[in-house]
Amino acid sequence: MTIAVRFPDGSIQNVPAQLREISDSSGSKVTPRFERVPLNCDSNWTFHRHGENWYAMPRSGSLSALRPVVAEWWRSVAHMEDDAGKAVGPAKTARGQRQRQRSGWGNAA
């Protein structure tokens, strides 16, 4: 879903939009109404309404990616690490021996 937005150079472009509920103070028994509004996800532009029209304005400042404060919970689970399958050394050797013993291949003489 998109909505037409006028940019500073005079061009009109369709940008991604979302539906936002229009708050209605008349009561909860009324069917909710929605309006299309531009998604505020562009790092270069912010969108403002003037009357019925939407206008793009250059964004001032900067955006920063949010970083998690704590380590992800799955980091403590050895099998869920990205490099768990690439283990080398004694850990991989022991794991391979256990798998061969379970499959019966380790007992061949």
N, C-alpha and C. Protein backbone atom coordinates (compact mmCIF):
# COMPACT_ATOMS: atom_id res chain seq x y z
N MET A 1 0.85 -1.16 0.00
CA MET A 1 0.00 0.00 0.00
C MET A 1 0.91 1.23 0.00
N THR A 2 0.58 2.18 -0.83
CA THR A 2 1.38 3.40 -0.92
C THR A 2 0.47 4.62 -0.79
N ILE A 3 1.12 5.77 -0.64
CA ILE A 3 0.41 7.04 -0.58
C ILE A 3 1.25 8.08 -1.33
N ALA A 4 0.58 9.01 -2.00
CA ALA A 4 1.27 10.04 -2.77
C ALA A 4 1.81 11.11 -1.83
N VAL A 5 3.09 11.45 -2.01
CA VAL A 5 3.75 12.46 -1.18
C VAL A 5 4.45 13.44 -2.13
N ARG A 6 4.31 14.74 -1.85
CA ARG A 6 4.99 15.76 -2.66
C ARG A 6 6.35 16.05 -2.04
N PHE A 7 7.39 16.01 -2.89
CA PHE A 7 8.76 16.26 -2.44
C PHE A 7 9.16 17.70 -2.74
N PRO A 8 10.23 18.20 -2.09
CA PRO A 8 10.63 19.60 -2.26
C PRO A 8 10.90 20.02 -3.70
N ASP A 9 11.30 19.09 -4.56
CA ASP A 9 11.56 19.45 -5.96
C ASP A 9 10.29 19.54 -6.79
N GLY A 10 9.13 19.33 -6.16
CA GLY A 10 7.85 19.43 -6.85
C GLY A 10 7.31 18.10 -7.35
N SER A 11 8.13 17.07 -7.30
CA SER A 11 7.67 15.76 -7.78
C SER A 11 6.75 15.11 -6.75
N ILE A 12 5.89 14.25 -7.25
CA ILE A 12 5.00 13.48 -6.38
C ILE A 12 5.39 12.02 -6.54
N GLN A 13 5.68 11.38 -5.41
CA GLN A 13 6.10 9.98 -5.44
C GLN A 13 5.21 9.17 -4.51
N ASN A 14 5.02 7.92 -4.86
CA ASN A 14 4.30 7.00 -3.99
C ASN A 14 5.29 6.39 -3.01
N VAL A 15 5.01 6.52 -1.73
CA VAL A 15 5.88 5.97 -0.69
C VAL A 15 5.08 4.93 0.10
N PRO A 16 5.77 3.97 0.75
CA PRO A 16 5.05 2.97 1.54
C PRO A 16 4.19 3.63 2.61
N ALA A 17 3.00 3.04 2.83
CA ALA A 17 2.05 3.61 3.78
C ALA A 17 1.52 2.53 4.71
N GLN A 18 0.89 2.97 5.76
CA GLN A 18 0.22 2.07 6.71
C GLN A 18 -1.15 2.65 7.03
N LEU A 19 -2.00 1.81 7.60
CA LEU A 19 -3.30 2.28 8.06
C LEU A 19 -3.20 2.66 9.53
N ARG A 20 -3.68 3.83 9.87
CA ARG A 20 -3.70 4.28 11.26
C ARG A 20 -5.14 4.56 11.63
N GLU A 21 -5.54 4.07 12.81
CA GLU A 21 -6.92 4.27 13.25
C GLU A 21 -7.14 5.73 13.61
N ILE A 22 -8.27 6.25 13.16
CA ILE A 22 -8.66 7.62 13.49
C ILE A 22 -9.41 7.55 14.81
N SER A 23 -8.90 8.22 15.83
CA SER A 23 -9.55 8.17 17.13
C SER A 23 -10.89 8.88 17.06
N ASP A 24 -11.88 8.21 17.60
CA ASP A 24 -13.24 8.76 17.58
C ASP A 24 -13.75 8.75 19.02
N SER A 25 -14.03 9.92 19.56
CA SER A 25 -14.44 10.02 20.96
C SER A 25 -15.94 9.81 21.16
N SER A 26 -16.67 9.45 20.11
CA SER A 26 -18.12 9.32 20.24
C SER A 26 -18.52 8.03 20.96
N GLY A 27 -17.66 7.06 21.06
CA GLY A 27 -18.00 5.83 21.76
C GLY A 27 -17.36 4.63 21.09
N SER A 28 -17.42 3.50 21.78
CA SER A 28 -16.76 2.30 21.27
C SER A 28 -17.66 1.48 20.37
N LYS A 29 -18.95 1.83 20.25
CA LYS A 29 -19.87 1.05 19.42
C LYS A 29 -19.81 1.44 17.95
N VAL A 30 -19.05 2.48 17.65
CA VAL A 30 -18.92 2.94 16.27
C VAL A 30 -17.84 2.12 15.58
N THR A 31 -18.08 1.76 14.33
CA THR A 31 -17.08 1.03 13.56
C THR A 31 -15.83 1.89 13.43
N PRO A 32 -14.65 1.34 13.73
CA PRO A 32 -13.43 2.14 13.66
C PRO A 32 -13.15 2.60 12.22
N ARG A 33 -12.57 3.78 12.11
CA ARG A 33 -12.19 4.34 10.81
C ARG A 33 -10.67 4.41 10.75
N PHE A 34 -10.15 4.28 9.53
CA PHE A 34 -8.70 4.29 9.35
C PHE A 34 -8.32 5.28 8.26
N GLU A 35 -7.09 5.74 8.32
CA GLU A 35 -6.54 6.60 7.29
C GLU A 35 -5.17 6.07 6.87
N ARG A 36 -4.78 6.35 5.63
CA ARG A 36 -3.46 5.96 5.15
C ARG A 36 -2.47 7.05 5.51
N VAL A 37 -1.35 6.65 6.10
CA VAL A 37 -0.28 7.59 6.44
C VAL A 37 1.04 6.99 5.97
N PRO A 38 2.00 7.83 5.58
CA PRO A 38 3.29 7.32 5.15
C PRO A 38 4.04 6.67 6.31
N LEU A 39 4.75 5.59 5.99
CA LEU A 39 5.61 4.98 6.99
C LEU A 39 6.80 5.90 7.23
N ASN A 40 7.16 6.09 8.46
CA ASN A 40 8.28 6.95 8.80
C ASN A 40 9.55 6.10 8.86
N CYS A 41 9.92 5.51 7.71
CA CYS A 41 11.05 4.58 7.70
C CYS A 41 12.16 5.02 6.76
N ASP A 42 12.08 6.20 6.20
CA ASP A 42 13.09 6.67 5.27
C ASP A 42 14.14 7.47 6.04
N SER A 43 15.41 7.13 5.84
CA SER A 43 16.46 7.80 6.59
C SER A 43 16.72 9.22 6.08
N ASN A 44 16.22 9.57 4.90
CA ASN A 44 16.47 10.89 4.34
C ASN A 44 15.29 11.85 4.47
N TRP A 45 14.08 11.32 4.61
CA TRP A 45 12.88 12.16 4.58
C TRP A 45 11.97 11.88 5.77
N THR A 46 11.30 12.93 6.21
CA THR A 46 10.23 12.80 7.19
C THR A 46 8.97 13.38 6.53
N PHE A 47 7.81 12.87 6.87
CA PHE A 47 6.58 13.21 6.16
C PHE A 47 5.63 13.98 7.07
N HIS A 48 5.07 15.07 6.53
CA HIS A 48 4.17 15.93 7.30
C HIS A 48 2.92 16.20 6.48
N ARG A 49 1.79 16.29 7.17
CA ARG A 49 0.52 16.56 6.50
C ARG A 49 0.19 18.05 6.61
N HIS A 50 -0.25 18.59 5.48
CA HIS A 50 -0.78 19.96 5.44
C HIS A 50 -2.14 19.85 4.76
N GLY A 51 -3.20 19.93 5.54
CA GLY A 51 -4.54 19.72 4.99
C GLY A 51 -4.74 18.26 4.64
N GLU A 52 -5.07 17.99 3.40
CA GLU A 52 -5.28 16.62 2.95
C GLU A 52 -4.03 16.03 2.28
N ASN A 53 -3.00 16.84 2.09
CA ASN A 53 -1.81 16.41 1.34
C ASN A 53 -0.64 16.11 2.27
N TRP A 54 0.23 15.22 1.81
CA TRP A 54 1.44 14.86 2.54
C TRP A 54 2.65 15.45 1.82
N TYR A 55 3.59 15.98 2.60
CA TYR A 55 4.80 16.59 2.06
C TYR A 55 6.02 15.96 2.72
N ALA A 56 7.06 15.77 1.90
CA ALA A 56 8.32 15.25 2.41
C ALA A 56 9.23 16.42 2.76
N MET A 57 9.91 16.30 3.88
CA MET A 57 10.87 17.31 4.30
C MET A 57 12.16 16.60 4.65
N PRO A 58 13.31 17.20 4.33
CA PRO A 58 14.58 16.55 4.66
C PRO A 58 14.67 16.29 6.16
N ARG A 59 15.15 15.12 6.49
CA ARG A 59 15.30 14.74 7.89
C ARG A 59 16.55 15.43 8.44
N SER A 60 16.44 15.99 9.62
CA SER A 60 17.61 16.59 10.26
C SER A 60 18.06 15.66 11.38
N GLY A 61 19.33 15.66 11.63
CA GLY A 61 19.86 14.74 12.63
C GLY A 61 20.25 13.44 11.97
N SER A 62 20.34 12.40 12.75
CA SER A 62 20.73 11.11 12.20
C SER A 62 20.00 9.99 12.92
N LEU A 63 19.91 8.88 12.25
CA LEU A 63 19.31 7.69 12.84
C LEU A 63 20.41 6.74 13.26
N SER A 64 20.20 6.04 14.33
CA SER A 64 21.17 5.03 14.74
C SER A 64 20.45 3.72 14.97
N ALA A 65 21.12 2.65 14.63
CA ALA A 65 20.53 1.33 14.81
C ALA A 65 20.50 1.00 16.30
N LEU A 66 19.40 0.45 16.75
CA LEU A 66 19.30 0.05 18.15
C LEU A 66 20.10 -1.23 18.35
N ARG A 67 20.84 -1.28 19.41
CA ARG A 67 21.63 -2.47 19.72
C ARG A 67 21.10 -3.09 21.00
N PRO A 68 21.08 -4.42 21.07
CA PRO A 68 20.58 -5.06 22.29
C PRO A 68 21.50 -4.76 23.47
N VAL A 69 20.90 -4.57 24.62
CA VAL A 69 21.65 -4.26 25.82
C VAL A 69 22.32 -5.52 26.37
N VAL A 70 21.61 -6.63 26.31
CA VAL A 70 22.15 -7.89 26.82
C VAL A 70 22.36 -8.85 25.65
N ALA A 71 23.21 -9.83 25.89
CA ALA A 71 23.46 -10.84 24.86
C ALA A 71 22.19 -11.63 24.60
N GLU A 72 22.05 -12.10 23.38
CA GLU A 72 20.88 -12.88 23.01
C GLU A 72 20.85 -14.17 23.83
N TRP A 73 19.66 -14.63 24.19
CA TRP A 73 19.51 -15.77 25.07
C TRP A 73 20.09 -17.04 24.45
N TRP A 74 20.07 -17.16 23.14
CA TRP A 74 20.51 -18.42 22.53
C TRP A 74 22.03 -18.54 22.48
N ARG A 75 22.76 -17.50 22.82
CA ARG A 75 24.22 -17.58 22.83
C ARG A 75 24.71 -18.58 23.88
N SER A 76 23.91 -18.81 24.92
CA SER A 76 24.32 -19.74 25.97
C SER A 76 24.06 -21.19 25.59
N VAL A 77 23.33 -21.44 24.50
CA VAL A 77 23.05 -22.80 24.04
C VAL A 77 24.08 -23.15 22.98
N ALA A 78 24.95 -24.13 23.29
CA ALA A 78 26.09 -24.44 22.43
C ALA A 78 25.67 -24.82 21.02
N HIS A 79 24.59 -25.56 20.86
CA HIS A 79 24.19 -26.03 19.53
C HIS A 79 23.60 -24.93 18.68
N MET A 80 23.26 -23.80 19.27
CA MET A 80 22.63 -22.73 18.49
C MET A 80 23.63 -21.67 18.06
N GLU A 81 24.89 -21.81 18.45
CA GLU A 81 25.91 -20.89 18.00
C GLU A 81 26.11 -21.06 16.50
N ASP A 82 26.42 -20.00 15.81
CA ASP A 82 26.63 -20.07 14.37
C ASP A 82 27.80 -20.98 14.02
N ASP A 83 28.83 -20.97 14.84
CA ASP A 83 30.02 -21.75 14.52
C ASP A 83 30.06 -23.10 15.24
N ALA A 84 28.95 -23.57 15.82
CA ALA A 84 28.95 -24.85 16.53
C ALA A 84 29.24 -26.00 15.57
N GLY A 85 28.77 -25.93 14.35
CA GLY A 85 29.01 -27.00 13.38
C GLY A 85 30.41 -26.97 12.81
N LYS A 86 31.14 -25.89 13.03
CA LYS A 86 32.49 -25.75 12.48
C LYS A 86 33.55 -25.98 13.55
N ALA A 87 33.16 -26.60 14.65
CA ALA A 87 34.10 -26.80 15.76
C ALA A 87 35.27 -27.67 15.30
N VAL A 88 36.44 -27.36 15.80
CA VAL A 88 37.64 -28.14 15.49
C VAL A 88 38.29 -28.55 16.79
N GLY A 89 39.22 -29.48 16.70
CA GLY A 89 39.97 -29.89 17.88
C GLY A 89 39.24 -30.96 18.66
N PRO A 90 39.56 -31.06 19.97
CA PRO A 90 39.03 -32.14 20.80
C PRO A 90 37.51 -32.17 20.87
N ALA A 91 36.86 -31.03 20.87
CA ALA A 91 35.39 -31.02 20.96
C ALA A 91 34.78 -31.69 19.75
N LYS A 92 35.30 -31.41 18.56
CA LYS A 92 34.75 -32.02 17.35
C LYS A 92 35.10 -33.50 17.31
N THR A 93 36.31 -33.86 17.71
CA THR A 93 36.72 -35.27 17.70
C THR A 93 35.85 -36.08 18.63
N ALA A 94 35.61 -35.58 19.84
CA ALA A 94 34.79 -36.31 20.81
C ALA A 94 33.36 -36.45 20.30
N ARG A 95 32.83 -35.41 19.69
CA ARG A 95 31.48 -35.47 19.16
C ARG A 95 31.40 -36.50 18.03
N GLY A 96 32.40 -36.52 17.16
CA GLY A 96 32.42 -37.49 16.06
C GLY A 96 32.52 -38.91 16.57
N GLN A 97 33.32 -39.13 17.63
CA GLN A 97 33.44 -40.48 18.20
C GLN A 97 32.12 -40.93 18.80
N ARG A 98 31.43 -40.05 19.50
CA ARG A 98 30.14 -40.42 20.08
C ARG A 98 29.13 -40.77 19.00
N GLN A 99 29.13 -40.02 17.90
CA GLN A 99 28.20 -40.31 16.82
C GLN A 99 28.51 -41.65 16.17
N ARG A 100 29.79 -41.97 15.98
CA ARG A 100 30.16 -43.25 15.38
C ARG A 100 29.79 -44.41 16.30
N GLN A 101 29.96 -44.22 17.62
CA GLN A 101 29.61 -45.29 18.57
C GLN A 101 28.12 -45.56 18.54
N ARG A 102 27.31 -44.50 18.47
CA ARG A 102 25.87 -44.69 18.43
C ARG A 102 25.42 -45.38 17.15
N SER A 103 26.11 -45.11 16.06
CA SER A 103 25.70 -45.69 14.79
C SER A 103 26.26 -47.09 14.58
N GLY A 104 27.23 -47.50 15.41
CA GLY A 104 27.81 -48.83 15.28
C GLY A 104 29.06 -48.86 14.44
N TRP A 105 29.45 -47.76 13.84
CA TRP A 105 30.65 -47.73 13.00
C TRP A 105 31.93 -47.72 13.82
N GLY A 106 31.88 -47.34 15.06
CA GLY A 106 33.08 -47.25 15.88
C GLY A 106 33.53 -48.60 16.40
N ASN A 107 32.73 -49.66 16.29
CA ASN A 107 33.07 -50.97 16.85
C ASN A 107 33.69 -51.91 15.83
N ALA A 108 33.81 -51.49 14.58
CA ALA A 108 34.36 -52.38 13.55
C ALA A 108 35.85 -52.59 13.80
N ALA A 109 36.32 -53.88 13.71
CA ALA A 109 37.72 -54.17 13.98
C ALA A 109 38.39 -54.72 12.75
